[in-house]
Structure formats: structure tokens, C-alpha cells
Amino acid sequence: MMDLKYDFYTAATPEKVWNVLISPEGTKPIFYGSVIRSTFKVGDSLEYVGPGTDGDETVHVYGNVLEFEPNQVLRFTHYAGKSYTQGDDKEYESRISYFLEPVGACTKLTLIHDEWKEDDPHYENSNSAWWMILSNTKTLIETGKTLDFGAGS
């Protein structure tokens, strides 16, 4: 499977972009009501929790922090939550990396979702969902609002 890689630029400082990516207040509007929970210490757990099939505390994604450099890098293992899997929820591990780089008065945000297992059933959903999530991220940072994708998105 091909790596999923996205580069885009936003009119904000790396600190502002970083805050949206790692704070519950930032993740909730861009991840459909889910908040990020972690100590952000290498080796510790990281999870996105919010409304879903298991109630308000549905774990949508979880993993372990691999790298954390404030305003620069967040990298973690990625597993789909138990409500998205049948059987072993750790059967399909991948990796998510956020990289921030100042470019003039902007920030370049690169997201790489890689290390996919060949038959990972979550690949196609991730491939389509990342564009919506990243578009929402850029819009929230620059306008303070998110996009309206309509019901069912």
C-alpha cells in the first residue's frame, strides 16, 4: 500500500498550528467531536475519543507516542478503535507523523500516514478522510470555523 502524504500551508505560526493538533479544543472540531488524550511522552498512549458507536467515550484511534518535539513533530503508532475492528484490533498497525515547518509568515504542515499492512481494511477510509480532516484543520486555524460537509460525513 502506498504511503498517504499531504503537504499544505496555512497562514499561522507553527505554535498556533501545533495547538490545534494537540489540544482537545483544537482536535474536537476537526475530528468530528473527538478529543486527543495523551501525556505526549514517548512510549505513552495517545487516543482520539469522542461520540460514536460505543457512546461519548468511543475510542476511534489509539496508539503510542513515538516522537514529540513541540511545534515541530508528532509521530505515533495508529490502530483503529475496537468498534471499527473485528477480532484483534492491533492486527493492523500503521504510523501517523505530523511535521511543522515555518515558511515565511506561514507554516508548512506535512502529514504522513505510512507503514500500512498490505491488507489493512482501514486504508481506503483513511485515504478519503484525511483530505477532509486537513481541510478542516487549515480552515479552523485561519478562520476560527470548520467546514460544513453535511450529514453523514
N, C-alpha and C. Protein backbone atom coordinates (compact mmCIF):
# COMPACT_ATOMS: atom_id res chain seq x y z
N MET A 1 0.85 -1.19 0.00
CA MET A 1 0.00 0.00 0.00
C MET A 1 0.88 1.24 0.00
N MET A 2 0.41 2.24 -0.69
CA MET A 2 1.18 3.48 -0.78
C MET A 2 1.03 4.29 0.51
N ASP A 3 2.11 5.01 0.83
CA ASP A 3 2.04 5.95 1.94
C ASP A 3 1.05 7.05 1.59
N LEU A 4 0.34 7.54 2.57
CA LEU A 4 -0.52 8.71 2.38
C LEU A 4 0.28 9.91 2.86
N LYS A 5 0.52 10.88 1.97
CA LYS A 5 1.32 12.05 2.32
C LYS A 5 0.60 13.31 1.83
N TYR A 6 0.52 14.28 2.71
CA TYR A 6 -0.16 15.54 2.41
C TYR A 6 0.70 16.69 2.90
N ASP A 7 0.92 17.66 2.03
CA ASP A 7 1.62 18.89 2.39
C ASP A 7 0.67 20.04 2.13
N PHE A 8 0.56 20.95 3.09
CA PHE A 8 -0.17 22.17 2.82
C PHE A 8 0.35 23.29 3.69
N TYR A 9 -0.02 24.48 3.34
CA TYR A 9 0.47 25.69 4.01
C TYR A 9 -0.71 26.41 4.63
N THR A 10 -0.47 26.96 5.82
CA THR A 10 -1.52 27.70 6.49
C THR A 10 -0.95 29.02 7.00
N ALA A 11 -1.79 30.04 6.99
CA ALA A 11 -1.38 31.38 7.41
C ALA A 11 -1.42 31.46 8.93
N ALA A 12 -0.42 30.86 9.56
CA ALA A 12 -0.35 30.84 11.02
C ALA A 12 1.05 30.42 11.43
N THR A 13 1.37 30.69 12.69
CA THR A 13 2.66 30.28 13.23
C THR A 13 2.64 28.77 13.52
N PRO A 14 3.81 28.16 13.59
CA PRO A 14 3.85 26.75 13.99
C PRO A 14 3.20 26.52 15.36
N GLU A 15 3.34 27.47 16.28
CA GLU A 15 2.73 27.33 17.60
C GLU A 15 1.20 27.24 17.52
N LYS A 16 0.62 28.06 16.67
CA LYS A 16 -0.85 28.03 16.53
C LYS A 16 -1.30 26.72 15.88
N VAL A 17 -0.60 26.29 14.86
CA VAL A 17 -0.95 25.02 14.21
C VAL A 17 -0.78 23.87 15.20
N TRP A 18 0.31 23.88 15.93
CA TRP A 18 0.60 22.83 16.91
C TRP A 18 -0.51 22.74 17.95
N ASN A 19 -0.95 23.88 18.44
CA ASN A 19 -2.00 23.90 19.45
C ASN A 19 -3.28 23.24 18.94
N VAL A 20 -3.62 23.47 17.70
CA VAL A 20 -4.82 22.84 17.12
C VAL A 20 -4.63 21.32 17.04
N LEU A 21 -3.43 20.87 16.72
CA LEU A 21 -3.18 19.44 16.56
C LEU A 21 -3.12 18.66 17.87
N ILE A 22 -2.72 19.32 18.96
CA ILE A 22 -2.50 18.54 20.20
C ILE A 22 -3.43 18.91 21.35
N SER A 23 -4.30 19.89 21.17
CA SER A 23 -5.20 20.26 22.27
C SER A 23 -6.59 19.67 22.04
N PRO A 24 -7.29 19.32 23.11
CA PRO A 24 -8.67 18.87 22.95
C PRO A 24 -9.54 19.92 22.26
N GLU A 25 -9.30 21.21 22.56
CA GLU A 25 -10.08 22.29 21.94
C GLU A 25 -9.84 22.36 20.44
N GLY A 26 -8.64 22.00 20.01
CA GLY A 26 -8.32 22.01 18.59
C GLY A 26 -8.80 20.78 17.86
N THR A 27 -8.62 19.61 18.49
CA THR A 27 -8.98 18.38 17.79
C THR A 27 -10.49 18.14 17.73
N LYS A 28 -11.21 18.60 18.72
CA LYS A 28 -12.66 18.33 18.75
C LYS A 28 -13.38 18.84 17.50
N PRO A 29 -13.15 20.07 17.04
CA PRO A 29 -13.87 20.49 15.84
C PRO A 29 -13.35 19.87 14.54
N ILE A 30 -12.10 19.44 14.49
CA ILE A 30 -11.60 18.88 13.23
C ILE A 30 -11.72 17.36 13.14
N PHE A 31 -11.87 16.70 14.27
CA PHE A 31 -12.02 15.25 14.29
C PHE A 31 -13.43 14.85 14.73
N TYR A 32 -14.43 15.59 14.25
CA TYR A 32 -15.85 15.22 14.40
C TYR A 32 -16.25 14.96 15.84
N GLY A 33 -15.78 15.80 16.75
CA GLY A 33 -16.16 15.70 18.15
C GLY A 33 -15.20 14.91 19.02
N SER A 34 -14.17 14.34 18.42
CA SER A 34 -13.19 13.57 19.20
C SER A 34 -12.09 14.48 19.73
N VAL A 35 -11.65 14.20 20.94
CA VAL A 35 -10.54 14.94 21.53
C VAL A 35 -9.33 14.03 21.64
N ILE A 36 -8.16 14.64 21.61
CA ILE A 36 -6.93 13.88 21.77
C ILE A 36 -6.60 13.80 23.26
N ARG A 37 -6.15 12.61 23.67
CA ARG A 37 -5.75 12.40 25.06
C ARG A 37 -4.38 11.75 25.07
N SER A 38 -3.42 12.40 25.73
CA SER A 38 -2.08 11.85 25.85
C SER A 38 -1.25 12.71 26.78
N THR A 39 -0.24 12.11 27.36
CA THR A 39 0.77 12.88 28.09
C THR A 39 1.79 13.42 27.11
N PHE A 40 1.83 12.85 25.91
CA PHE A 40 2.77 13.18 24.84
C PHE A 40 4.21 12.82 25.19
N LYS A 41 4.38 11.93 26.14
CA LYS A 41 5.72 11.41 26.44
C LYS A 41 5.96 10.19 25.55
N VAL A 42 7.15 10.10 25.00
CA VAL A 42 7.48 8.98 24.12
C VAL A 42 7.22 7.66 24.85
N GLY A 43 6.49 6.79 24.19
CA GLY A 43 6.12 5.49 24.76
C GLY A 43 4.75 5.47 25.39
N ASP A 44 4.23 6.64 25.78
CA ASP A 44 2.90 6.70 26.40
C ASP A 44 1.79 6.59 25.36
N SER A 45 0.60 6.30 25.84
CA SER A 45 -0.54 6.13 24.95
C SER A 45 -1.04 7.47 24.42
N LEU A 46 -1.71 7.38 23.29
CA LEU A 46 -2.38 8.51 22.66
C LEU A 46 -3.68 7.96 22.11
N GLU A 47 -4.77 8.70 22.29
CA GLU A 47 -6.05 8.24 21.74
C GLU A 47 -6.92 9.42 21.37
N TYR A 48 -7.77 9.18 20.38
CA TYR A 48 -8.80 10.13 19.98
C TYR A 48 -10.13 9.54 20.44
N VAL A 49 -10.80 10.25 21.34
CA VAL A 49 -12.01 9.75 21.98
C VAL A 49 -13.15 10.74 21.76
N GLY A 50 -14.32 10.22 21.40
CA GLY A 50 -15.47 11.10 21.21
C GLY A 50 -16.71 10.30 20.88
N PRO A 51 -17.78 10.99 20.51
CA PRO A 51 -19.04 10.32 20.22
C PRO A 51 -18.90 9.28 19.10
N GLY A 52 -19.56 8.15 19.30
CA GLY A 52 -19.51 7.08 18.30
C GLY A 52 -20.38 5.92 18.69
N THR A 53 -20.11 4.79 18.09
CA THR A 53 -20.95 3.61 18.29
C THR A 53 -20.91 3.08 19.72
N ASP A 54 -19.86 3.41 20.47
CA ASP A 54 -19.75 2.97 21.86
C ASP A 54 -20.10 4.09 22.84
N GLY A 55 -20.82 5.12 22.38
CA GLY A 55 -21.20 6.23 23.25
C GLY A 55 -20.22 7.38 23.14
N ASP A 56 -20.29 8.30 24.09
CA ASP A 56 -19.47 9.52 24.06
C ASP A 56 -17.99 9.26 24.29
N GLU A 57 -17.64 8.10 24.80
CA GLU A 57 -16.24 7.77 25.07
C GLU A 57 -15.70 6.72 24.09
N THR A 58 -16.23 6.73 22.87
CA THR A 58 -15.75 5.80 21.85
C THR A 58 -14.30 6.12 21.50
N VAL A 59 -13.44 5.12 21.54
CA VAL A 59 -12.04 5.30 21.12
C VAL A 59 -12.00 5.03 19.62
N HIS A 60 -11.77 6.09 18.86
CA HIS A 60 -11.76 5.97 17.40
C HIS A 60 -10.39 5.53 16.89
N VAL A 61 -9.36 6.08 17.48
CA VAL A 61 -7.98 5.77 17.09
C VAL A 61 -7.14 5.77 18.36
N TYR A 62 -6.14 4.90 18.42
CA TYR A 62 -5.23 4.93 19.54
C TYR A 62 -3.87 4.42 19.10
N GLY A 63 -2.89 4.63 19.94
CA GLY A 63 -1.53 4.17 19.65
C GLY A 63 -0.60 4.62 20.75
N ASN A 64 0.68 4.69 20.40
CA ASN A 64 1.71 5.13 21.35
C ASN A 64 2.56 6.21 20.70
N VAL A 65 2.95 7.18 21.50
CA VAL A 65 3.78 8.28 21.02
C VAL A 65 5.17 7.75 20.70
N LEU A 66 5.63 8.03 19.48
CA LEU A 66 6.96 7.63 19.03
C LEU A 66 7.94 8.79 19.07
N GLU A 67 7.43 9.99 18.80
CA GLU A 67 8.28 11.18 18.78
C GLU A 67 7.41 12.39 19.08
N PHE A 68 7.95 13.30 19.87
CA PHE A 68 7.23 14.51 20.24
C PHE A 68 8.22 15.64 20.44
N GLU A 69 8.20 16.59 19.52
CA GLU A 69 9.01 17.79 19.61
C GLU A 69 8.07 18.97 19.43
N PRO A 70 7.74 19.69 20.51
CA PRO A 70 6.75 20.76 20.42
C PRO A 70 6.99 21.70 19.24
N ASN A 71 5.90 22.00 18.55
CA ASN A 71 5.86 22.90 17.40
C ASN A 71 6.63 22.38 16.18
N GLN A 72 7.02 21.09 16.22
CA GLN A 72 7.78 20.53 15.10
C GLN A 72 7.30 19.15 14.65
N VAL A 73 7.24 18.18 15.58
CA VAL A 73 6.97 16.79 15.19
C VAL A 73 6.08 16.10 16.21
N LEU A 74 5.06 15.41 15.70
CA LEU A 74 4.29 14.45 16.48
C LEU A 74 4.18 13.20 15.64
N ARG A 75 4.66 12.07 16.18
CA ARG A 75 4.61 10.79 15.47
C ARG A 75 4.10 9.74 16.44
N PHE A 76 3.16 8.92 15.96
CA PHE A 76 2.60 7.88 16.83
C PHE A 76 2.13 6.68 16.01
N THR A 77 2.09 5.53 16.69
CA THR A 77 1.51 4.35 16.05
C THR A 77 0.00 4.57 15.96
N HIS A 78 -0.61 3.90 15.00
CA HIS A 78 -2.04 4.09 14.73
C HIS A 78 -2.73 2.74 14.67
N TYR A 79 -3.78 2.62 15.48
CA TYR A 79 -4.67 1.47 15.43
C TYR A 79 -6.09 2.00 15.40
N ALA A 80 -6.95 1.35 14.64
CA ALA A 80 -8.37 1.69 14.68
C ALA A 80 -8.95 1.17 15.98
N GLY A 81 -9.89 1.94 16.57
CA GLY A 81 -10.53 1.54 17.81
C GLY A 81 -11.30 0.25 17.68
N LYS A 82 -11.59 -0.35 18.82
CA LYS A 82 -12.25 -1.66 18.86
C LYS A 82 -13.59 -1.69 18.13
N SER A 83 -14.32 -0.57 18.12
CA SER A 83 -15.62 -0.58 17.45
C SER A 83 -15.49 -0.62 15.92
N TYR A 84 -14.27 -0.45 15.40
CA TYR A 84 -14.03 -0.48 13.95
C TYR A 84 -13.41 -1.79 13.49
N THR A 85 -13.11 -2.66 14.42
CA THR A 85 -12.40 -3.89 14.06
C THR A 85 -13.19 -5.11 14.49
N GLN A 86 -12.88 -6.21 13.84
CA GLN A 86 -13.42 -7.50 14.24
C GLN A 86 -12.22 -8.36 14.60
N GLY A 87 -12.19 -8.85 15.80
CA GLY A 87 -11.06 -9.66 16.23
C GLY A 87 -9.96 -8.80 16.84
N ASP A 88 -8.74 -9.05 16.46
CA ASP A 88 -7.58 -8.38 17.03
C ASP A 88 -7.47 -6.96 16.50
N ASP A 89 -7.73 -5.96 17.37
CA ASP A 89 -7.68 -4.57 16.93
C ASP A 89 -6.25 -4.09 16.70
N LYS A 90 -5.25 -4.86 17.13
CA LYS A 90 -3.85 -4.47 16.89
C LYS A 90 -3.26 -5.21 15.69
N GLU A 91 -4.10 -5.90 14.94
CA GLU A 91 -3.62 -6.63 13.77
C GLU A 91 -3.08 -5.67 12.71
N TYR A 92 -3.69 -4.50 12.61
CA TYR A 92 -3.32 -3.55 11.55
C TYR A 92 -2.73 -2.29 12.16
N GLU A 93 -1.43 -2.27 12.31
CA GLU A 93 -0.74 -1.10 12.83
C GLU A 93 -0.21 -0.28 11.66
N SER A 94 -0.36 1.03 11.76
CA SER A 94 0.28 1.95 10.83
C SER A 94 0.87 3.07 11.66
N ARG A 95 1.37 4.10 11.00
CA ARG A 95 2.03 5.19 11.73
C ARG A 95 1.58 6.52 11.15
N ILE A 96 1.37 7.49 12.04
CA ILE A 96 1.00 8.84 11.64
C ILE A 96 2.09 9.80 12.12
N SER A 97 2.50 10.70 11.22
CA SER A 97 3.51 11.70 11.54
C SER A 97 3.03 13.07 11.08
N TYR A 98 3.10 14.04 11.98
CA TYR A 98 2.87 15.43 11.65
C TYR A 98 4.21 16.15 11.73
N PHE A 99 4.52 16.93 10.71
CA PHE A 99 5.74 17.75 10.70
C PHE A 99 5.35 19.19 10.42
N LEU A 100 5.84 20.11 11.23
CA LEU A 100 5.58 21.54 11.04
C LEU A 100 6.89 22.25 10.73
N GLU A 101 6.81 23.17 9.78
CA GLU A 101 8.00 23.91 9.36
C GLU A 101 7.59 25.35 9.04
N PRO A 102 8.23 26.33 9.67
CA PRO A 102 7.92 27.71 9.32
C PRO A 102 8.39 28.03 7.90
N VAL A 103 7.54 28.71 7.15
CA VAL A 103 7.88 29.15 5.80
C VAL A 103 7.39 30.59 5.68
N GLY A 104 8.30 31.54 5.80
CA GLY A 104 7.89 32.94 5.82
C GLY A 104 6.96 33.17 6.99
N ALA A 105 5.81 33.79 6.71
CA ALA A 105 4.81 34.04 7.74
C ALA A 105 3.80 32.89 7.85
N CYS A 106 4.08 31.78 7.17
CA CYS A 106 3.17 30.62 7.14
C CYS A 106 3.81 29.43 7.83
N THR A 107 3.03 28.37 7.93
CA THR A 107 3.55 27.09 8.41
C THR A 107 3.21 26.02 7.39
N LYS A 108 4.22 25.24 7.04
CA LYS A 108 4.00 24.07 6.20
C LYS A 108 3.71 22.90 7.14
N LEU A 109 2.55 22.28 6.93
CA LEU A 109 2.16 21.10 7.69
C LEU A 109 2.22 19.90 6.75
N THR A 110 3.02 18.92 7.12
CA THR A 110 3.10 17.68 6.37
C THR A 110 2.55 16.57 7.25
N LEU A 111 1.62 15.81 6.71
CA LEU A 111 1.11 14.64 7.39
C LEU A 111 1.49 13.43 6.55
N ILE A 112 2.08 12.44 7.20
CA ILE A 112 2.39 11.18 6.53
C ILE A 112 1.76 10.06 7.34
N HIS A 113 0.94 9.27 6.66
CA HIS A 113 0.33 8.08 7.27
C HIS A 113 0.93 6.91 6.51
N ASP A 114 1.84 6.16 7.17
CA ASP A 114 2.59 5.12 6.48
C ASP A 114 2.69 3.85 7.31
N GLU A 115 3.55 2.96 6.85
CA GLU A 115 3.77 1.65 7.47
C GLU A 115 2.49 0.82 7.53
N TRP A 116 1.74 0.87 6.44
CA TRP A 116 0.49 0.11 6.33
C TRP A 116 0.77 -1.37 6.14
N LYS A 117 -0.07 -2.22 6.71
CA LYS A 117 -0.05 -3.65 6.41
C LYS A 117 -0.76 -3.82 5.07
N GLU A 118 -0.33 -4.79 4.30
CA GLU A 118 -0.81 -4.94 2.92
C GLU A 118 -2.34 -5.03 2.79
N ASP A 119 -3.00 -5.67 3.71
CA ASP A 119 -4.44 -5.88 3.59
C ASP A 119 -5.25 -5.07 4.60
N ASP A 120 -4.70 -3.95 5.05
CA ASP A 120 -5.37 -3.14 6.08
C ASP A 120 -6.72 -2.61 5.56
N PRO A 121 -7.83 -3.01 6.20
CA PRO A 121 -9.15 -2.59 5.73
C PRO A 121 -9.45 -1.11 6.00
N HIS A 122 -8.59 -0.43 6.75
CA HIS A 122 -8.84 0.97 7.10
C HIS A 122 -8.14 1.94 6.15
N TYR A 123 -7.38 1.42 5.22
CA TYR A 123 -6.60 2.27 4.31
C TYR A 123 -7.49 3.19 3.47
N GLU A 124 -8.49 2.66 2.82
CA GLU A 124 -9.32 3.47 1.92
C GLU A 124 -10.07 4.56 2.68
N ASN A 125 -10.58 4.25 3.86
CA ASN A 125 -11.26 5.26 4.65
C ASN A 125 -10.29 6.37 5.05
N SER A 126 -9.10 5.99 5.45
CA SER A 126 -8.10 7.00 5.81
C SER A 126 -7.73 7.85 4.61
N ASN A 127 -7.58 7.22 3.47
CA ASN A 127 -7.23 7.93 2.24
C ASN A 127 -8.26 9.01 1.91
N SER A 128 -9.53 8.74 2.11
CA SER A 128 -10.56 9.75 1.81
C SER A 128 -10.77 10.71 2.98
N ALA A 129 -10.62 10.25 4.20
CA ALA A 129 -10.90 11.10 5.37
C ALA A 129 -9.83 12.15 5.62
N TRP A 130 -8.56 11.85 5.31
CA TRP A 130 -7.51 12.81 5.63
C TRP A 130 -7.70 14.15 4.93
N TRP A 131 -8.18 14.14 3.68
CA TRP A 131 -8.39 15.42 2.99
C TRP A 131 -9.42 16.28 3.72
N MET A 132 -10.47 15.67 4.21
CA MET A 132 -11.49 16.42 4.94
C MET A 132 -10.93 16.94 6.27
N ILE A 133 -10.21 16.09 6.97
CA ILE A 133 -9.64 16.48 8.27
C ILE A 133 -8.64 17.62 8.09
N LEU A 134 -7.76 17.48 7.11
CA LEU A 134 -6.75 18.52 6.90
C LEU A 134 -7.34 19.82 6.37
N SER A 135 -8.36 19.73 5.54
CA SER A 135 -9.05 20.94 5.09
C SER A 135 -9.71 21.64 6.27
N ASN A 136 -10.30 20.86 7.15
CA ASN A 136 -10.90 21.41 8.36
C ASN A 136 -9.84 22.05 9.26
N THR A 137 -8.68 21.43 9.33
CA THR A 137 -7.59 21.96 10.15
C THR A 137 -7.18 23.33 9.65
N LYS A 138 -6.92 23.44 8.36
CA LYS A 138 -6.49 24.71 7.76
C LYS A 138 -7.58 25.77 7.94
N THR A 139 -8.81 25.42 7.69
CA THR A 139 -9.92 26.37 7.81
C THR A 139 -10.08 26.85 9.25
N LEU A 140 -10.01 25.93 10.22
CA LEU A 140 -10.14 26.31 11.63
C LEU A 140 -9.01 27.25 12.04
N ILE A 141 -7.80 26.94 11.64
CA ILE A 141 -6.66 27.78 12.01
C ILE A 141 -6.81 29.18 11.43
N GLU A 142 -7.24 29.28 10.19
CA GLU A 142 -7.27 30.58 9.51
C GLU A 142 -8.54 31.39 9.75
N THR A 143 -9.65 30.72 10.06
CA THR A 143 -10.92 31.44 10.19
C THR A 143 -11.58 31.28 11.56
N GLY A 144 -11.16 30.28 12.34
CA GLY A 144 -11.82 30.00 13.60
C GLY A 144 -13.08 29.17 13.46
N LYS A 145 -13.38 28.74 12.23
CA LYS A 145 -14.56 27.92 11.95
C LYS A 145 -14.12 26.65 11.24
N THR A 146 -15.03 25.68 11.16
CA THR A 146 -14.77 24.48 10.38
C THR A 146 -15.72 24.44 9.20
N LEU A 147 -15.47 23.51 8.30
CA LEU A 147 -16.28 23.36 7.10
C LEU A 147 -17.53 22.55 7.41
N ASP A 148 -18.59 22.80 6.67
CA ASP A 148 -19.84 22.03 6.80
C ASP A 148 -19.88 21.01 5.66
N PHE A 149 -19.55 19.76 5.99
CA PHE A 149 -19.56 18.70 5.00
C PHE A 149 -20.92 18.03 4.86
N GLY A 150 -21.91 18.49 5.61
CA GLY A 150 -23.24 17.92 5.54
C GLY A 150 -23.36 16.68 6.40
N ALA A 151 -24.55 16.15 6.46
CA ALA A 151 -24.83 14.97 7.29
C ALA A 151 -24.10 13.76 6.73
N GLY A 152 -23.66 12.90 7.64
CA GLY A 152 -23.06 11.64 7.24
C GLY A 152 -21.60 11.70 6.87
N SER A 153 -20.97 12.85 7.02
CA SER A 153 -19.56 12.93 6.66
C SER A 153 -18.67 12.70 7.84
